[in-house]
Amino acid sequence: MATECTAYRDTKGGLHSTPEKATLADLAGVLGRVGEEGGMTAGVAKLLFDKREEIERVFLEHDAMLASQPAGAARESVNPNGAAAR
């Protein structure tokens, strides 16, 4: 007898058993290959998914900082440790 099932489709058309798995597949697709063999991509996608709230907060704070700058203000260049570049 046929039975009904629920599946979630990612943007490439793949079917997944949960919305999280479909979202992770989409995140991995957005990231592309991470690492030499691309093996880190799924782990990075999972980390992004798990840390979504904090990541969104950081981007909201970033956007608020940019919005508070006067129009046309020059953006100061910073190096990777956050210090102003000279």
C-alpha atoms as a PDB file:
ATOM      1  CA  MET A   1       0.000   0.000   0.000  1.00  0.00           C
ATOM      2  CA  ALA A   2       1.270   3.466  -0.832  1.00  0.00           C
ATOM      3  CA  THR A   3       2.028   5.809   2.041  1.00  0.00           C
ATOM      4  CA  GLU A   4       2.463   9.535   2.291  1.00  0.00           C
ATOM      5  CA  CYS A   5       5.760  11.089   3.304  1.00  0.00           C
ATOM      6  CA  THR A   6       7.034  14.602   3.776  1.00  0.00           C
ATOM      7  CA  ALA A   7      10.263  15.706   2.171  1.00  0.00           C
ATOM      8  CA  TYR A   8      12.012  19.037   1.829  1.00  0.00           C
ATOM      9  CA  ARG A   9      13.609  20.097  -1.444  1.00  0.00           C
ATOM     10  CA  ASP A  10      16.822  22.152  -1.574  1.00  0.00           C
ATOM     11  CA  THR A  11      17.451  24.684  -4.344  1.00  0.00           C
ATOM     12  CA  LYS A  12      19.206  22.055  -6.487  1.00  0.00           C
ATOM     13  CA  GLY A  13      16.177  19.769  -6.280  1.00  0.00           C
ATOM     14  CA  GLY A  14      17.583  17.283  -3.782  1.00  0.00           C
ATOM     15  CA  LEU A  15      15.117  15.794  -1.306  1.00  0.00           C
ATOM     16  CA  HIS A  16      15.806  15.797   2.431  1.00  0.00           C
ATOM     17  CA  SER A  17      14.007  14.315   5.401  1.00  0.00           C
ATOM     18  CA  THR A  18      14.084  17.513   7.494  1.00  0.00           C
ATOM     19  CA  PRO A  19      14.022  21.247   6.802  1.00  0.00           C
ATOM     20  CA  GLU A  20      17.416  21.519   8.558  1.00  0.00           C
ATOM     21  CA  LYS A  21      19.018  19.048   6.156  1.00  0.00           C
ATOM     22  CA  ALA A  22      17.624  20.932   3.134  1.00  0.00           C
ATOM     23  CA  THR A  23      18.869  24.241   4.555  1.00  0.00           C
ATOM     24  CA  LEU A  24      22.300  22.758   5.257  1.00  0.00           C
ATOM     25  CA  ALA A  25      22.498  21.549   1.658  1.00  0.00           C
ATOM     26  CA  ASP A  26      21.643  25.062   0.450  1.00  0.00           C
ATOM     27  CA  LEU A  27      24.238  26.623   2.777  1.00  0.00           C
ATOM     28  CA  ALA A  28      26.869  24.169   1.556  1.00  0.00           C
ATOM     29  CA  GLY A  29      25.982  25.107  -2.010  1.00  0.00           C
ATOM     30  CA  VAL A  30      26.380  28.807  -1.245  1.00  0.00           C
ATOM     31  CA  LEU A  31      29.746  28.201   0.429  1.00  0.00           C
ATOM     32  CA  GLY A  32      31.137  26.148  -2.417  1.00  0.00           C
ATOM     33  CA  ARG A  33      34.224  24.091  -1.725  1.00  0.00           C
ATOM     34  CA  VAL A  34      35.888  24.752   1.626  1.00  0.00           C
ATOM     35  CA  GLY A  35      39.229  23.031   2.089  1.00  0.00           C
ATOM     36  CA  GLU A  36      41.308  21.074  -0.375  1.00  0.00           C
ATOM     37  CA  GLU A  37      38.764  18.370  -1.056  1.00  0.00           C
ATOM     38  CA  GLY A  38      35.667  20.364  -0.115  1.00  0.00           C
ATOM     39  CA  GLY A  39      35.235  18.105   2.923  1.00  0.00           C
ATOM     40  CA  MET A  40      34.921  21.020   5.325  1.00  0.00           C
ATOM     41  CA  THR A  41      31.915  22.524   3.543  1.00  0.00           C
ATOM     42  CA  ALA A  42      29.277  20.466   5.354  1.00  0.00           C
ATOM     43  CA  GLY A  43      30.867  21.213   8.723  1.00  0.00           C
ATOM     44  CA  VAL A  44      31.065  24.944   8.030  1.00  0.00           C
ATOM     45  CA  ALA A  45      27.437  24.945   6.854  1.00  0.00           C
ATOM     46  CA  LYS A  46      26.391  23.190  10.073  1.00  0.00           C
ATOM     47  CA  LEU A  47      28.363  25.694  12.161  1.00  0.00           C
ATOM     48  CA  LEU A  48      26.700  28.614  10.353  1.00  0.00           C
ATOM     49  CA  PHE A  49      23.288  27.030  10.896  1.00  0.00           C
ATOM     50  CA  ASP A  50      23.952  26.402  14.583  1.00  0.00           C
ATOM     51  CA  LYS A  51      25.353  29.914  15.136  1.00  0.00           C
ATOM     52  CA  ARG A  52      22.717  31.640  13.005  1.00  0.00           C
ATOM     53  CA  GLU A  53      21.366  33.870  15.770  1.00  0.00           C
ATOM     54  CA  GLU A  54      24.799  35.166  16.733  1.00  0.00           C
ATOM     55  CA  ILE A  55      25.846  35.596  13.094  1.00  0.00           C
ATOM     56  CA  GLU A  56      22.695  37.555  12.262  1.00  0.00           C
ATOM     57  CA  ARG A  57      23.304  39.761  15.337  1.00  0.00           C
ATOM     58  CA  VAL A  58      26.838  40.538  14.156  1.00  0.00           C
ATOM     59  CA  PHE A  59      25.602  41.515  10.684  1.00  0.00           C
ATOM     60  CA  LEU A  60      22.803  43.647  12.150  1.00  0.00           C
ATOM     61  CA  GLU A  61      25.348  45.461  14.317  1.00  0.00           C
ATOM     62  CA  HIS A  62      27.598  45.901  11.266  1.00  0.00           C
ATOM     63  CA  ASP A  63      24.736  47.329   9.203  1.00  0.00           C
ATOM     64  CA  ALA A  64      23.811  49.697  12.057  1.00  0.00           C
ATOM     65  CA  MET A  65      27.402  50.981  12.215  1.00  0.00           C
ATOM     66  CA  LEU A  66      27.428  51.609   8.466  1.00  0.00           C
ATOM     67  CA  ALA A  67      24.029  53.312   8.603  1.00  0.00           C
ATOM     68  CA  SER A  68      25.258  55.715  11.278  1.00  0.00           C
ATOM     69  CA  GLN A  69      28.123  56.947   9.092  1.00  0.00           C
ATOM     70  CA  PRO A  70      27.612  60.159   7.126  1.00  0.00           C
ATOM     71  CA  ALA A  71      26.893  59.596   3.443  1.00  0.00           C
ATOM     72  CA  GLY A  72      30.084  59.326   1.418  1.00  0.00           C
ATOM     73  CA  ALA A  73      32.287  58.947   4.513  1.00  0.00           C
ATOM     74  CA  ALA A  74      35.555  57.214   3.776  1.00  0.00           C
ATOM     75  CA  ARG A  75      35.780  53.810   5.395  1.00  0.00           C
ATOM     76  CA  GLU A  76      38.969  53.238   7.359  1.00  0.00           C
ATOM     77  CA  SER A  77      40.905  50.186   6.325  1.00  0.00           C
ATOM     78  CA  VAL A  78      41.614  47.647   9.073  1.00  0.00           C
ATOM     79  CA  ASN A  79      43.979  44.709   9.220  1.00  0.00           C
ATOM     80  CA  PRO A  80      42.879  41.185  10.309  1.00  0.00           C
ATOM     81  CA  ASN A  81      43.378  41.897  14.047  1.00  0.00           C
ATOM     82  CA  GLY A  82      40.982  44.840  13.846  1.00  0.00           C
ATOM     83  CA  ALA A  83      43.598  47.585  14.136  1.00  0.00           C
ATOM     84  CA  ALA A  84      43.559  50.494  11.715  1.00  0.00           C
ATOM     85  CA  ALA A  85      45.837  49.869   8.759  1.00  0.00           C
ATOM     86  CA  ARG A  86      48.515  52.484   8.102  1.00  0.00           C
END
